[in-house]
Amino acid sequence: MYKLIALDMDGTLLNSDKVISEENKQAITKAREAGVTVVLASGRPLEGMQDKLDELNINSDKDFVLYYNGSMVKNIGTNEIIHQQIIDGKAAKKIARKAKELGAYVHAFSQERGLITEENNPYTDIEAKINGLDVTEMNFESLSDDHAIIKAMMVAEPSKLTEVIAALPSDLREEFTVVQSAPFFLEFLNPSSNKGIGVSAIAEYLGIKAEEVICMGDAENDHHMLQYAGLGIAMANAMEETKEIADYIAESNDEHGVAKSIEKFVLNA
């Protein structure tokens, strides 16, 4: 029996209009009523998830949320942080220098200043609007080496980002967890941070085994949790690489794939 379901948001739980369908909402409610813990696991900051958590009534001291791609995991009701692994200003400066060299923009999420960037670009506006964040435009070289940075990103239009990924030096891949969360975002996390580690922290906290966990996602930043879970589900709209590592391919995010998977593997199992 599955006891924990971790759901990516964009491209998985949310449809193309960034809405939770009524079908998905009802299936999640039924699973929770049956005693299953349902967790939202996103690359977004918590501010960008709060309205969806409220919509699903995921707000008690028995509920958890995974944000910033697993860099932060906390109990929603008590605010207890059960997992936190971030980077620092020194790391962000290194990523920013390489981004400039490769012709990409850079974003970072600061615990003090919210979303920071050296140069506002169309993707800055997307990120700020989706997550309700203030934007600080600043030279990354002015960051202190110990400035708390949750994650950094190289940002470019999709075809350019493909070139950036191909040219990324191996030392950066060794120093950070590097995942593509969208066609235009390449994320750099603490090497001890990813969605798989975050979901496993919740499971261990609750005494749940990996084989009792379902994870659903659509992109590279979901790979670690799909591989960790007893059942890793990719959406029909997922990246091909994501489908290849999944145990099951669900209907797309516009076809209530989350609801249909919950019905198949939890409610009607």
Protein backbone atom coordinates (compact mmCIF):
# COMPACT_ATOMS: atom_id res chain seq x y z
CA MET A 1 0.00 0.00 0.00
CA TYR A 2 1.28 3.45 -0.88
CA LYS A 3 1.46 5.89 2.03
CA LEU A 4 3.13 8.97 0.52
CA ILE A 5 2.55 10.75 -2.80
CA ALA A 6 4.91 13.52 -3.91
CA LEU A 7 3.70 15.70 -6.77
CA ASP A 8 5.64 18.09 -8.93
CA MET A 9 3.58 21.19 -9.69
CA ASP A 10 4.33 22.78 -13.06
CA GLY A 11 3.70 20.33 -15.89
CA THR A 12 2.35 17.68 -13.50
CA LEU A 13 -0.27 18.74 -10.94
CA LEU A 14 -1.01 22.01 -12.74
CA ASN A 15 -2.45 22.05 -16.24
CA SER A 16 -1.14 24.34 -18.97
CA ASP A 17 -3.19 27.20 -17.51
CA LYS A 18 -1.41 26.72 -14.15
CA VAL A 19 -4.65 25.47 -12.58
CA ILE A 20 -5.37 22.37 -10.45
CA SER A 21 -8.23 20.58 -12.20
CA GLU A 22 -11.28 19.58 -10.19
CA GLU A 23 -10.48 15.94 -11.00
CA ASN A 24 -6.98 16.26 -9.54
CA LYS A 25 -8.30 18.09 -6.50
CA GLN A 26 -10.92 15.44 -5.75
CA ALA A 27 -8.47 12.55 -6.14
CA ILE A 28 -5.97 14.21 -3.80
CA THR A 29 -8.71 14.85 -1.22
CA LYS A 30 -9.83 11.21 -1.36
CA ALA A 31 -6.26 9.94 -1.00
CA ARG A 32 -5.69 12.15 2.03
CA GLU A 33 -8.99 11.00 3.55
CA ALA A 34 -7.71 7.44 3.12
CA GLY A 35 -4.65 8.32 5.21
CA VAL A 36 -2.14 8.97 2.44
CA THR A 37 0.26 11.90 2.90
CA VAL A 38 0.30 14.13 -0.19
CA VAL A 39 3.26 16.47 -0.64
CA LEU A 40 3.83 19.18 -3.24
CA ALA A 41 7.44 18.99 -4.46
CA SER A 42 8.47 21.98 -6.55
CA GLY A 43 11.39 24.01 -7.74
CA ARG A 44 9.38 27.07 -6.79
CA PRO A 45 9.95 29.04 -3.59
CA LEU A 46 7.32 28.56 -0.90
CA GLU A 47 5.71 31.89 -1.82
CA GLY A 48 4.98 30.52 -5.28
CA MET A 49 3.30 27.41 -3.85
CA GLN A 50 1.21 28.83 -1.03
CA ASP A 51 -1.99 29.44 -2.98
CA LYS A 52 -2.02 25.84 -4.25
CA LEU A 53 -1.32 24.46 -0.77
CA ASP A 54 -4.25 26.51 0.53
CA GLU A 55 -6.47 25.36 -2.33
CA LEU A 56 -5.76 21.72 -1.40
CA ASN A 57 -6.04 22.38 2.36
CA ILE A 58 -2.51 21.08 2.85
CA ASN A 59 -1.88 23.16 5.95
CA SER A 60 -1.83 21.03 9.10
CA ASP A 61 0.97 19.86 11.38
CA LYS A 62 0.76 16.51 9.57
CA ASP A 63 1.58 18.14 6.24
CA PHE A 64 4.92 18.82 4.58
CA VAL A 65 6.13 20.84 1.62
CA LEU A 66 9.26 20.47 -0.52
CA TYR A 67 10.39 23.66 -2.24
CA TYR A 68 13.40 25.00 -4.14
CA ASN A 69 13.81 21.52 -5.65
CA GLY A 70 14.43 19.93 -2.27
CA SER A 71 16.84 22.51 -0.89
CA MET A 72 14.17 23.18 1.74
CA VAL A 73 11.63 20.82 3.30
CA LYS A 74 9.40 21.77 6.21
CA ASN A 75 6.36 20.83 8.23
CA ILE A 76 3.68 23.29 7.16
CA GLY A 77 1.77 23.36 10.45
CA THR A 78 4.72 23.64 12.85
CA ASN A 79 7.23 25.34 10.49
CA GLU A 80 9.83 22.77 11.55
CA ILE A 81 12.57 22.54 8.91
CA ILE A 82 13.35 18.85 8.40
CA HIS A 83 15.84 19.32 5.56
CA GLN A 84 17.86 22.33 4.44
CA GLN A 85 20.92 22.39 2.19
CA ILE A 86 21.79 25.65 0.45
CA ILE A 87 24.77 27.27 -1.29
CA ASP A 88 26.53 30.59 -0.64
CA GLY A 89 27.62 33.81 -2.29
CA LYS A 90 30.97 32.37 -3.31
CA ALA A 91 29.22 29.59 -5.24
CA ALA A 92 26.72 32.01 -6.78
CA LYS A 93 29.55 34.22 -8.05
CA LYS A 94 31.24 31.23 -9.66
CA ILE A 95 27.99 30.27 -11.42
CA ALA A 96 27.40 33.89 -12.51
CA ARG A 97 30.87 34.17 -14.04
CA LYS A 98 30.37 30.98 -16.02
CA ALA A 99 26.89 32.09 -17.12
CA LYS A 100 28.35 35.31 -18.55
CA GLU A 101 31.08 33.36 -20.30
CA LEU A 102 28.50 31.06 -21.90
CA GLY A 103 26.11 33.87 -22.85
CA ALA A 104 23.34 33.14 -20.33
CA TYR A 105 21.59 35.30 -17.75
CA VAL A 106 21.82 34.40 -14.07
CA HIS A 107 19.18 34.32 -11.32
CA ALA A 108 19.64 33.43 -7.67
CA PHE A 109 17.32 33.15 -4.69
CA SER A 110 18.60 34.89 -1.59
CA GLN A 111 17.18 34.34 1.88
CA GLU A 112 17.58 38.09 2.48
CA ARG A 113 16.76 39.65 -0.89
CA GLY A 114 14.41 37.28 -2.74
CA LEU A 115 15.06 36.88 -6.47
CA ILE A 116 18.31 38.54 -7.53
CA THR A 117 19.68 39.00 -11.03
CA GLU A 118 22.48 40.96 -12.65
CA GLU A 119 20.26 41.95 -15.55
CA ASN A 120 16.49 41.91 -15.82
CA ASN A 121 15.34 39.75 -18.72
CA PRO A 122 12.00 38.32 -19.93
CA TYR A 123 12.46 35.23 -17.75
CA THR A 124 12.99 37.37 -14.65
CA ASP A 125 9.47 38.70 -15.13
CA ILE A 126 8.08 35.17 -15.56
CA GLU A 127 9.78 33.92 -12.40
CA ALA A 128 8.79 36.94 -10.32
CA LYS A 129 5.15 36.89 -11.48
CA ILE A 130 4.62 33.15 -10.94
CA ASN A 131 6.13 33.23 -7.47
CA GLY A 132 5.09 36.68 -6.25
CA LEU A 133 8.67 37.72 -5.56
CA ASP A 134 10.42 41.06 -5.47
CA VAL A 135 13.41 41.37 -7.80
CA THR A 136 16.77 42.89 -6.84
CA GLU A 137 19.08 43.82 -9.70
CA MET A 138 22.70 43.72 -8.53
CA ASN A 139 26.23 42.71 -9.42
CA PHE A 140 26.82 39.23 -8.05
CA GLU A 141 30.45 40.14 -7.34
CA SER A 142 29.14 42.37 -4.54
CA LEU A 143 27.73 39.33 -2.69
CA SER A 144 29.70 38.31 0.37
CA ASP A 145 31.16 34.82 0.13
CA ASP A 146 28.97 33.62 3.00
CA HIS A 147 25.71 35.21 1.77
CA ALA A 148 22.95 32.58 2.07
CA ILE A 149 21.82 31.57 -1.42
CA ILE A 150 19.20 28.85 -1.75
CA LYS A 151 19.82 28.12 -5.42
CA ALA A 152 21.20 29.76 -8.56
CA MET A 153 20.09 29.40 -12.17
CA MET A 154 21.47 29.96 -15.64
CA VAL A 155 18.68 31.38 -17.77
CA ALA A 156 18.38 31.57 -21.55
CA GLU A 157 15.92 30.96 -24.37
CA PRO A 158 15.60 27.21 -24.97
CA SER A 159 17.90 26.72 -27.96
CA LYS A 160 20.61 28.82 -26.29
CA LEU A 161 20.23 26.93 -23.02
CA THR A 162 20.78 23.67 -24.89
CA GLU A 163 24.14 25.08 -26.03
CA VAL A 164 24.94 26.21 -22.49
CA ILE A 165 24.23 22.74 -21.10
CA ALA A 166 26.47 21.14 -23.73
CA ALA A 167 29.31 23.53 -22.86
CA LEU A 168 28.96 23.26 -19.08
CA PRO A 169 32.31 22.24 -17.53
CA SER A 170 32.46 19.01 -15.55
CA ASP A 171 33.69 20.74 -12.39
CA LEU A 172 30.36 22.56 -12.04
CA ARG A 173 28.44 19.31 -12.42
CA GLU A 174 30.64 17.76 -9.74
CA GLU A 175 30.31 20.70 -7.35
CA PHE A 176 26.53 21.13 -7.58
CA THR A 177 23.32 19.24 -8.25
CA VAL A 178 22.55 20.53 -11.76
CA VAL A 179 19.01 20.04 -13.11
CA GLN A 180 16.95 21.56 -15.90
CA SER A 181 13.55 22.54 -14.48
CA ALA A 182 12.16 24.25 -17.59
CA PRO A 183 13.26 24.75 -21.20
CA PHE A 184 14.80 28.08 -20.12
CA PHE A 185 16.03 27.32 -16.55
CA LEU A 186 19.15 25.36 -15.53
CA GLU A 187 19.37 25.12 -11.75
CA PHE A 188 22.39 24.77 -9.48
CA LEU A 189 21.72 23.38 -6.00
CA ASN A 190 23.74 22.22 -3.04
CA PRO A 191 25.06 18.73 -3.93
CA SER A 192 23.03 17.36 -1.01
CA SER A 193 19.82 18.82 -2.44
CA ASN A 194 17.41 17.35 -4.94
CA LYS A 195 13.79 16.27 -4.89
CA GLY A 196 14.73 12.66 -4.18
CA ILE A 197 16.66 13.60 -1.05
CA GLY A 198 13.81 15.89 0.01
CA VAL A 199 11.12 13.25 -0.42
CA SER A 200 13.26 10.66 1.36
CA ALA A 201 13.66 13.07 4.30
CA ILE A 202 9.87 13.28 4.62
CA ALA A 203 9.47 9.51 4.27
CA GLU A 204 12.09 8.82 6.93
CA TYR A 205 10.52 11.38 9.26
CA LEU A 206 7.17 9.57 8.89
CA GLY A 207 8.62 6.06 9.02
CA ILE A 208 7.59 5.31 5.43
CA LYS A 209 9.64 3.01 3.19
CA ALA A 210 10.71 4.01 -0.33
CA GLU A 211 8.56 1.24 -1.80
CA GLU A 212 5.52 2.88 -0.18
CA VAL A 213 6.13 6.16 -2.04
CA ILE A 214 4.71 7.41 -5.36
CA CYS A 215 6.37 10.36 -7.08
CA MET A 216 5.04 12.10 -10.19
CA GLY A 217 6.87 14.55 -12.44
CA ASP A 218 7.65 15.72 -15.94
CA ALA A 219 11.18 17.17 -16.05
CA GLU A 220 14.83 16.56 -15.23
CA ASN A 221 14.52 18.10 -11.78
CA ASP A 222 12.05 15.29 -10.97
CA HIS A 223 14.42 12.46 -11.89
CA HIS A 224 15.91 11.93 -8.44
CA MET A 225 12.52 11.51 -6.80
CA LEU A 226 11.16 9.28 -9.57
CA GLN A 227 14.19 7.03 -9.13
CA TYR A 228 13.83 7.05 -5.34
CA ALA A 229 10.14 6.16 -5.25
CA GLY A 230 8.69 2.69 -5.22
CA LEU A 231 6.57 3.96 -8.13
CA GLY A 232 7.94 6.74 -10.30
CA ILE A 233 5.35 8.20 -12.68
CA ALA A 234 6.08 10.48 -15.63
CA MET A 235 3.36 12.48 -17.33
CA ALA A 236 2.61 11.99 -21.03
CA ASN A 237 3.90 15.53 -21.58
CA ALA A 238 7.20 14.80 -19.80
CA MET A 239 10.66 15.09 -21.30
CA GLU A 240 11.67 11.89 -23.10
CA GLU A 241 14.54 11.35 -20.64
CA THR A 242 12.02 11.52 -17.80
CA LYS A 243 9.75 8.95 -19.41
CA GLU A 244 12.70 6.60 -19.84
CA ILE A 245 13.41 6.41 -16.11
CA ALA A 246 9.76 6.21 -15.01
CA ASP A 247 7.97 3.03 -13.98
CA TYR A 248 4.71 4.23 -15.51
CA ILE A 249 3.59 6.86 -18.03
CA ALA A 250 0.40 8.66 -16.98
CA GLU A 251 -1.94 10.85 -18.96
CA SER A 252 -0.76 14.41 -19.50
CA ASN A 253 -1.14 17.31 -17.10
CA ASP A 254 -4.01 18.55 -19.28
CA GLU A 255 -5.76 15.15 -19.05
CA HIS A 256 -5.85 14.89 -15.23
CA GLY A 257 -2.90 12.46 -15.18
CA VAL A 258 -2.42 12.95 -11.44
CA ALA A 259 -6.04 12.05 -10.66
CA LYS A 260 -6.03 9.01 -12.93
CA SER A 261 -2.79 7.73 -11.39
CA ILE A 262 -4.08 8.17 -7.85
CA GLU A 263 -7.28 6.35 -8.78
CA LYS A 264 -5.36 3.50 -10.44
CA PHE A 265 -2.65 2.93 -7.84
CA VAL A 266 -4.21 4.14 -4.57
CA LEU A 267 -7.98 4.48 -4.55
CA ASN A 268 -8.83 1.45 -6.69
CA ALA A 269 -5.81 -0.71 -5.90
